Amino acid sequence: MSPRLVLFGAGNIGRSFVGQVFARNGYEVVFVDINERVVRALNDRTGYDVVIKHPDGTDEILPVHGVRGVLATDRDAVARELADADLAATAVGAGALRSVAALVRDGLARRMEQRPGSPLDVILAENVRDAASVVGDIVGTGPMVGLVQTSIGKMVPIVPAETVERDPLLVFAEPYNTLIVDARGFRGPVPDLPEIKAVEHIDAWVDRKLFLHNLGHAAVAYFGYRTAPEAKTIAEAVTVPEVLAGARNAMTQSAAALAAAYPESLAERDLIEHRDDLLTRFANRALGDTVFRVGRDLKRKLARDDRIVGAMLLAANHGVPFDAIARVYAAAVEFGATDESGRVHPGDDEVTREYRERGVDAILRDVSGLNPDVDPDRRIVGAVREAIG
């Protein structure tokens, strides 16, 4: 009998990455989702295709077999699946994580009744810095549950609406296919799969994703909108020399900060190689990722612990320059890219209007939570003011 993974979330990351990795390595994957159409299609077809978008413009089809679905609203069915599972995972996003945690808690209770002494490891494929704490507050911690943080570096473009209408299971993805997991989070053995990379200090890798990958991605979006507003995609924007240089400089400073913060896990030379690889991946036109999608949601992306201010705080706390990162912030407060219907993301117009009417200090205080009267906040406020000029 094949080992079974119960995977919460049949969205793009769930299907194109986590589900694909385990299913293609012999696991039966049971998706739990609220989308009735997707769940029905999974049960009718027991498989789907992942279209890998290569930088040279070619497509590679990865067929995925041995999957089925369960509606998240059927709490009893979900609990039964978890009671018998070999492994569980989530790929639902921060907003749904607490609701999923409640389902996991109920499933663990049934599992303890039916299989006492059989722990369950839950891989949290969320790119949320405190995902294990969020889930642990609801599920609890102890020897019977392993809460496994991850760092998700795979980029998955949005599938066109007409394609979704034709096939609700088809997903696109880039070739990158490494799942970085917390080796210390498992209660059982780490799955021995070629795509899984188990690390000892997951916080370093989560911050690497946020302060190198996400920072660089956002930098391309914000510099791209300011310098080349005609560029609608990240791949177009990153080819503009000024945009590329600005993103590279910010990522270089963040790489130095990460190396200083996590010397036991992250070497600066490896981070620079990762920087260059990311910039190459951003230029993959086949992904079709838009400047709007990557830059939108300014209130979240300018928050104190997110990709820009968080990277500056890390740098400031380790004596690393961050003026190039401050220039990303300066570009972000002017961001006004729109979707295909000509609309800005809800709330983004509030940020840019506040900036125009009251200046950057209001954004630094109200959105980013920075206090100019204390360090290191004072230094960050000063660097952003200087970047704006």
Protein backbone atom coordinates (compact mmCIF):
# COMPACT_ATOMS: atom_id res chain seq x y z
CA MET A 1 0.00 0.00 0.00
CA SER A 2 1.29 3.45 -0.90
CA PRO A 3 2.04 5.93 1.89
CA ARG A 4 -0.61 8.65 2.18
CA LEU A 5 -0.23 12.42 2.39
CA VAL A 6 -3.22 14.52 3.45
CA LEU A 7 -2.65 17.94 1.90
CA PHE A 8 -4.74 20.96 2.92
CA GLY A 9 -4.98 23.27 -0.06
CA ALA A 10 -5.50 22.27 -3.69
CA GLY A 11 -4.43 25.65 -5.02
CA ASN A 12 -1.45 26.47 -7.19
CA ILE A 13 1.29 25.66 -4.66
CA GLY A 14 -0.60 22.64 -3.39
CA ARG A 15 -1.06 21.07 -6.80
CA SER A 16 2.02 22.28 -8.68
CA PHE A 17 4.55 21.77 -5.90
CA VAL A 18 3.74 19.87 -2.71
CA GLY A 19 1.19 17.48 -4.17
CA GLN A 20 3.26 16.98 -7.31
CA VAL A 21 6.45 16.16 -5.35
CA PHE A 22 4.81 13.55 -3.14
CA ALA A 23 2.53 12.00 -5.76
CA ARG A 24 5.37 11.57 -8.24
CA ASN A 25 7.36 9.82 -5.50
CA GLY A 26 4.71 7.17 -4.89
CA TYR A 27 2.46 8.77 -2.27
CA GLU A 28 -1.30 8.76 -2.48
CA VAL A 29 -2.17 12.45 -2.08
CA VAL A 30 -5.53 13.38 -0.56
CA PHE A 31 -6.28 17.06 -1.15
CA VAL A 32 -8.55 18.84 1.33
CA ASP A 33 -10.11 22.00 -0.10
CA ILE A 34 -13.22 24.18 -0.01
CA ASN A 35 -13.50 24.36 -3.81
CA GLU A 36 -16.17 21.83 -4.73
CA ARG A 37 -15.37 21.92 -8.44
CA VAL A 38 -11.69 21.14 -7.82
CA VAL A 39 -12.47 18.36 -5.34
CA ARG A 40 -14.97 16.80 -7.73
CA ALA A 41 -12.46 16.93 -10.60
CA LEU A 42 -9.74 15.33 -8.44
CA ASN A 43 -12.06 12.45 -7.60
CA ASP A 44 -13.30 12.04 -11.16
CA ARG A 45 -9.85 12.07 -12.78
CA THR A 46 -7.47 11.02 -9.95
CA GLY A 47 -4.77 13.06 -11.66
CA TYR A 48 -3.80 16.31 -13.35
CA ASP A 49 -0.99 17.94 -15.32
CA VAL A 50 1.62 20.45 -14.18
CA VAL A 51 2.99 22.57 -17.04
CA ILE A 52 6.61 23.50 -16.38
CA LYS A 53 7.41 26.83 -18.04
CA HIS A 54 11.07 26.79 -19.10
CA PRO A 55 13.01 30.03 -19.71
CA ASP A 56 13.56 29.11 -23.38
CA GLY A 57 9.80 29.24 -23.95
CA THR A 58 9.24 25.49 -24.07
CA ASP A 59 6.70 23.67 -21.94
CA GLU A 60 7.19 20.36 -20.17
CA ILE A 61 4.19 18.36 -18.96
CA LEU A 62 4.49 16.58 -15.62
CA PRO A 63 1.59 14.17 -15.18
CA VAL A 64 0.46 13.64 -11.58
CA HIS A 65 -1.46 10.48 -10.67
CA GLY A 66 -2.84 8.84 -7.57
CA VAL A 67 -4.69 11.80 -6.07
CA ARG A 68 -8.19 12.41 -4.77
CA GLY A 69 -10.07 15.10 -2.88
CA VAL A 70 -12.12 15.69 0.26
CA LEU A 71 -14.20 18.77 0.99
CA ALA A 72 -12.88 20.75 3.93
CA THR A 73 -16.46 21.27 5.10
CA ASP A 74 -16.81 17.51 5.70
CA ARG A 75 -15.03 17.61 9.05
CA ASP A 76 -15.68 13.94 9.82
CA ALA A 77 -14.18 12.80 6.51
CA VAL A 78 -11.14 15.02 7.06
CA ALA A 79 -10.64 13.59 10.55
CA ARG A 80 -10.84 10.04 9.17
CA GLU A 81 -8.19 10.81 6.56
CA LEU A 82 -5.84 12.30 9.15
CA ALA A 83 -6.33 9.34 11.47
CA ASP A 84 -4.92 7.03 8.79
CA ALA A 85 -2.39 9.34 7.14
CA ASP A 86 1.36 8.79 7.03
CA LEU A 87 1.97 12.52 6.69
CA ALA A 88 0.05 15.78 6.43
CA ALA A 89 0.82 19.15 4.86
CA THR A 90 -0.73 22.57 4.42
CA ALA A 91 -0.54 24.99 1.49
CA VAL A 92 -3.41 27.34 2.21
CA GLY A 93 -1.91 30.77 2.94
CA ALA A 94 -1.74 32.74 6.16
CA GLY A 95 -5.41 33.72 6.13
CA ALA A 96 -6.70 30.15 6.24
CA LEU A 97 -4.03 28.62 8.47
CA ARG A 98 -5.97 28.86 11.75
CA SER A 99 -9.07 27.26 10.22
CA VAL A 100 -6.98 24.40 8.87
CA ALA A 101 -5.27 24.02 12.24
CA ALA A 102 -8.66 23.37 13.83
CA LEU A 103 -9.27 20.55 11.34
CA VAL A 104 -5.85 19.10 12.12
CA ARG A 105 -6.62 19.23 15.84
CA ASP A 106 -9.83 17.24 15.33
CA GLY A 107 -8.03 14.71 13.17
CA LEU A 108 -5.29 14.27 15.74
CA ALA A 109 -7.88 13.57 18.43
CA ARG A 110 -9.35 10.76 16.34
CA ARG A 111 -5.90 9.49 15.47
CA MET A 112 -4.98 9.21 19.15
CA GLU A 113 -8.12 7.15 19.74
CA GLN A 114 -7.51 4.80 16.83
CA ARG A 115 -3.71 4.74 16.70
CA PRO A 116 -2.36 5.72 20.12
CA GLY A 117 1.34 6.37 20.06
CA SER A 118 1.42 7.13 16.29
CA PRO A 119 2.64 10.73 15.78
CA LEU A 120 1.69 12.81 12.75
CA ASP A 121 4.08 15.20 11.05
CA VAL A 122 2.51 18.25 9.40
CA ILE A 123 4.59 20.05 6.76
CA LEU A 124 3.63 23.75 6.78
CA ALA A 125 4.25 24.94 3.22
CA GLU A 126 3.21 28.51 3.97
CA ASN A 127 6.14 30.97 3.86
CA VAL A 128 4.83 32.34 7.14
CA ARG A 129 7.64 33.09 9.56
CA ASP A 130 5.75 31.81 12.61
CA ALA A 131 3.61 29.12 10.96
CA ALA A 132 4.54 26.47 13.54
CA SER A 133 3.54 28.79 16.39
CA VAL A 134 0.25 29.71 14.72
CA VAL A 135 -0.69 26.07 14.23
CA GLY A 136 0.77 24.98 17.56
CA ASP A 137 -1.43 27.44 19.45
CA ILE A 138 -4.46 25.54 18.17
CA VAL A 139 -3.20 22.00 17.68
CA GLY A 140 -0.88 21.92 20.65
CA THR A 141 2.66 20.61 20.73
CA GLY A 142 4.26 17.46 22.03
CA PRO A 143 5.55 14.06 20.94
CA MET A 144 2.42 13.20 18.94
CA VAL A 145 2.61 16.02 16.42
CA GLY A 146 5.48 17.43 14.40
CA LEU A 147 5.01 20.95 13.05
CA VAL A 148 7.48 21.33 10.20
CA GLN A 149 8.29 24.83 8.98
CA THR A 150 9.37 25.24 5.35
CA SER A 151 10.85 27.77 2.99
CA ILE A 152 8.92 27.82 -0.29
CA GLY A 153 10.96 29.23 -3.16
CA LYS A 154 8.92 27.97 -6.10
CA MET A 155 7.27 30.60 -8.29
CA VAL A 156 3.86 29.67 -9.62
CA PRO A 157 2.21 32.04 -12.11
CA ILE A 158 -1.53 32.58 -12.20
CA VAL A 159 -3.27 30.33 -14.70
CA PRO A 160 -5.43 32.33 -17.18
CA ALA A 161 -9.13 32.33 -16.34
CA GLU A 162 -10.08 30.71 -19.64
CA THR A 163 -7.66 27.84 -18.94
CA VAL A 164 -9.13 27.35 -15.46
CA GLU A 165 -12.61 27.28 -16.97
CA ARG A 166 -11.53 24.58 -19.39
CA ASP A 167 -9.49 22.56 -16.88
CA PRO A 168 -9.72 23.46 -13.16
CA LEU A 169 -6.78 21.21 -12.26
CA LEU A 170 -4.14 22.35 -14.76
CA VAL A 171 -1.36 24.41 -13.15
CA PHE A 172 1.77 26.19 -14.34
CA ALA A 173 5.12 26.30 -12.53
CA GLU A 174 8.78 27.12 -13.01
CA PRO A 175 11.39 24.31 -13.12
CA TYR A 176 12.68 24.99 -9.56
CA ASN A 177 11.41 22.13 -7.40
CA THR A 178 13.23 22.05 -4.04
CA LEU A 179 11.19 21.86 -0.83
CA ILE A 180 13.27 23.12 2.13
CA VAL A 181 12.00 21.70 5.44
CA ASP A 182 12.91 21.95 9.11
CA ALA A 183 14.75 18.74 10.01
CA ARG A 184 14.10 19.40 13.70
CA GLY A 185 10.34 19.68 13.26
CA PHE A 186 9.71 16.02 12.42
CA ARG A 187 8.65 13.47 15.01
CA GLY A 188 9.08 10.67 12.49
CA PRO A 189 11.73 10.30 9.78
CA VAL A 190 12.21 13.01 7.19
CA PRO A 191 10.70 11.79 3.89
CA ASP A 192 13.54 10.47 1.74
CA LEU A 193 12.63 12.26 -1.48
CA PRO A 194 15.12 13.87 -3.88
CA GLU A 195 13.17 17.15 -3.92
CA ILE A 196 13.28 17.58 -0.13
CA LYS A 197 16.16 19.45 1.50
CA ALA A 198 16.13 19.15 5.30
CA VAL A 199 17.97 21.91 7.18
CA GLU A 200 18.83 22.35 10.85
CA HIS A 201 18.10 26.07 11.25
CA ILE A 202 14.90 26.74 9.34
CA ASP A 203 14.61 30.35 10.56
CA ALA A 204 17.64 31.21 8.45
CA TRP A 205 16.05 29.74 5.35
CA VAL A 206 12.67 31.35 5.97
CA ASP A 207 14.42 34.71 6.28
CA ARG A 208 16.47 33.96 3.16
CA LYS A 209 13.22 33.55 1.24
CA LEU A 210 11.67 36.72 2.65
CA PHE A 211 14.69 39.03 2.64
CA LEU A 212 16.36 37.85 -0.58
CA HIS A 213 13.75 36.29 -2.86
CA ASN A 214 10.72 38.35 -1.83
CA LEU A 215 12.74 41.54 -1.42
CA GLY A 216 14.31 41.14 -4.86
CA HIS A 217 10.98 40.32 -6.49
CA ALA A 218 9.37 43.40 -4.92
CA ALA A 219 12.34 45.57 -5.88
CA VAL A 220 11.91 44.64 -9.54
CA ALA A 221 8.20 45.50 -9.33
CA TYR A 222 8.69 48.87 -7.63
CA PHE A 223 11.72 50.00 -9.63
CA GLY A 224 10.06 48.67 -12.76
CA TYR A 225 6.87 50.67 -12.22
CA ARG A 226 8.85 53.84 -11.54
CA THR A 227 11.46 53.47 -14.30
CA ALA A 228 9.65 51.54 -17.03
CA PRO A 229 5.87 51.82 -16.44
CA GLU A 230 5.24 50.30 -19.85
CA ALA A 231 6.68 46.99 -18.59
CA LYS A 232 3.73 44.92 -17.45
CA THR A 233 5.60 41.78 -16.41
CA ILE A 234 8.48 41.14 -14.02
CA ALA A 235 10.40 39.50 -16.87
CA GLU A 236 10.16 42.70 -18.92
CA ALA A 237 11.03 44.97 -16.00
CA VAL A 238 14.11 43.06 -14.86
CA THR A 239 15.73 43.50 -18.29
CA VAL A 240 15.81 47.29 -17.78
CA PRO A 241 19.40 48.04 -16.63
CA GLU A 242 18.39 50.53 -13.93
CA VAL A 243 15.80 48.14 -12.52
CA LEU A 244 18.20 45.20 -12.54
CA ALA A 245 20.93 47.23 -10.85
CA GLY A 246 18.59 48.52 -8.16
CA ALA A 247 17.27 45.05 -7.34
CA ARG A 248 20.75 43.51 -7.37
CA ASN A 249 22.14 46.18 -5.05
CA ALA A 250 19.33 45.74 -2.53
CA MET A 251 19.67 41.96 -2.64
CA THR A 252 23.43 42.22 -2.17
CA GLN A 253 23.02 44.22 1.03
CA SER A 254 20.36 41.83 2.28
CA ALA A 255 22.62 38.85 1.51
CA ALA A 256 25.34 40.43 3.65
CA ALA A 257 22.85 40.94 6.49
CA LEU A 258 21.63 37.33 6.26
CA ALA A 259 25.19 35.99 6.31
CA ALA A 260 25.94 38.10 9.39
CA ALA A 261 22.76 37.01 11.15
CA TYR A 262 23.03 33.29 10.36
CA PRO A 263 26.74 32.42 9.92
CA GLU A 264 26.12 28.79 10.86
CA SER A 265 23.64 28.28 8.03
CA LEU A 266 24.13 30.85 5.27
CA ALA A 267 27.43 31.68 3.59
CA GLU A 268 27.55 35.02 1.79
CA ARG A 269 29.05 33.48 -1.38
CA ASP A 270 26.12 31.03 -1.54
CA LEU A 271 23.65 33.83 -1.01
CA ILE A 272 25.21 35.81 -3.87
CA GLU A 273 24.89 32.77 -6.11
CA HIS A 274 21.26 32.50 -5.03
CA ARG A 275 20.79 36.19 -5.79
CA ASP A 276 22.05 35.70 -9.33
CA ASP A 277 19.92 32.60 -9.82
CA LEU A 278 16.82 34.47 -8.65
CA LEU A 279 17.44 37.37 -11.02
CA THR A 280 17.75 34.86 -13.86
CA ARG A 281 14.52 33.16 -12.78
CA PHE A 282 12.71 36.51 -12.55
CA ALA A 283 13.55 36.99 -16.25
CA ASN A 284 11.63 33.85 -17.27
CA ARG A 285 9.06 35.35 -19.66
CA ALA A 286 7.12 32.11 -19.75
CA LEU A 287 6.00 32.68 -16.16
CA GLY A 288 4.06 35.80 -17.14
CA ASP A 289 4.23 37.18 -13.58
CA THR A 290 3.00 40.78 -13.54
CA VAL A 291 4.43 43.89 -11.92
CA PHE A 292 0.99 44.48 -10.42
CA ARG A 293 0.75 41.09 -8.73
CA VAL A 294 4.26 41.16 -7.29
CA GLY A 295 4.07 44.75 -6.04
CA ARG A 296 0.48 44.92 -4.80
CA ASP A 297 -0.64 44.99 -1.15
CA LEU A 298 1.59 47.78 0.10
CA LYS A 299 0.28 47.66 3.66
CA ARG A 300 1.58 44.12 4.01
CA LYS A 301 4.79 44.54 2.03
CA LEU A 302 5.80 47.72 3.85
CA ALA A 303 5.04 46.24 7.28
CA ARG A 304 7.77 46.20 9.89
CA ASP A 305 8.50 42.47 9.72
CA ASP A 306 8.05 42.04 5.98
CA ARG A 307 10.52 41.98 3.07
CA ILE A 308 11.74 45.60 2.93
CA VAL A 309 11.67 47.02 6.45
CA GLY A 310 12.49 43.61 7.91
CA ALA A 311 15.59 43.39 5.72
CA MET A 312 16.67 46.88 6.79
CA LEU A 313 16.20 46.00 10.45
CA LEU A 314 18.26 42.84 10.00
CA ALA A 315 21.01 44.85 8.32
CA ALA A 316 20.92 47.62 10.92
CA ASN A 317 21.14 45.14 13.77
CA HIS A 318 24.25 43.51 12.23
CA GLY A 319 26.15 46.59 11.13
CA VAL A 320 25.46 46.13 7.41
CA PRO A 321 24.64 49.10 5.09
CA PHE A 322 21.05 49.22 3.85
CA ASP A 323 20.81 52.35 1.71
CA ALA A 324 20.06 50.26 -1.42
CA ILE A 325 17.18 48.54 0.42
CA ALA A 326 15.89 51.96 1.53
CA ARG A 327 15.65 52.91 -2.16
CA VAL A 328 13.24 49.99 -2.64
CA TYR A 329 11.02 51.51 0.06
CA ALA A 330 11.26 54.91 -1.62
CA ALA A 331 10.02 53.40 -4.88
CA ALA A 332 7.29 51.37 -3.18
CA VAL A 333 5.45 54.38 -1.75
CA GLU A 334 4.90 55.63 -5.32
CA PHE A 335 3.66 52.27 -6.64
CA GLY A 336 0.43 52.52 -8.60
CA ALA A 337 0.33 49.57 -10.99
CA THR A 338 -3.13 48.34 -11.95
CA ASP A 339 -4.63 44.99 -12.86
CA GLU A 340 -5.97 44.07 -16.28
CA SER A 341 -9.15 46.02 -15.48
CA GLY A 342 -7.25 49.19 -14.62
CA ARG A 343 -7.81 48.92 -10.85
CA VAL A 344 -5.25 49.25 -8.08
CA HIS A 345 -5.15 46.71 -5.27
CA PRO A 346 -7.57 47.61 -2.45
CA GLY A 347 -5.77 49.79 0.06
CA ASP A 348 -2.77 50.63 -2.12
CA ASP A 349 -4.30 53.93 -3.18
CA GLU A 350 -4.66 54.84 0.51
CA VAL A 351 -0.92 54.37 1.03
CA THR A 352 0.13 56.37 -2.02
CA ARG A 353 -2.40 59.13 -1.28
CA GLU A 354 -1.17 59.34 2.32
CA TYR A 355 2.38 59.61 1.02
CA ARG A 356 1.49 62.43 -1.38
CA GLU A 357 -0.52 64.35 1.20
CA ARG A 358 1.48 63.81 4.41
CA GLY A 359 4.90 62.62 3.30
CA VAL A 360 6.90 59.48 3.88
CA ASP A 361 7.10 59.93 7.68
CA ALA A 362 3.40 59.08 7.93
CA ILE A 363 3.93 55.83 6.03
CA LEU A 364 7.03 54.93 8.02
CA ARG A 365 5.06 55.44 11.24
CA ASP A 366 1.55 54.22 10.43
CA VAL A 367 2.23 51.42 7.94
CA SER A 368 5.72 50.28 8.90
CA GLY A 369 5.49 50.85 12.64
CA LEU A 370 8.82 52.67 12.89
CA ASN A 371 9.61 55.03 15.74
CA PRO A 372 12.08 57.77 14.69
CA ASP A 373 13.03 58.42 18.31
CA VAL A 374 14.71 55.05 18.93
CA ASP A 375 17.36 52.96 17.20
CA PRO A 376 17.54 51.12 14.88
CA ASP A 377 14.27 52.65 13.67
CA ARG A 378 15.85 56.11 13.62
CA ARG A 379 18.53 54.97 11.17
CA ILE A 380 16.00 53.32 8.88
CA VAL A 381 13.77 56.41 8.84
CA GLY A 382 16.82 58.52 7.98
CA ALA A 383 17.90 56.19 5.17
CA VAL A 384 14.41 56.24 3.59
CA ARG A 385 14.21 60.04 3.85
CA GLU A 386 17.59 60.28 2.13
CA ALA A 387 16.53 57.81 -0.58
CA ILE A 388 13.49 59.95 -1.34
CA GLY A 389 15.59 63.12 -1.35
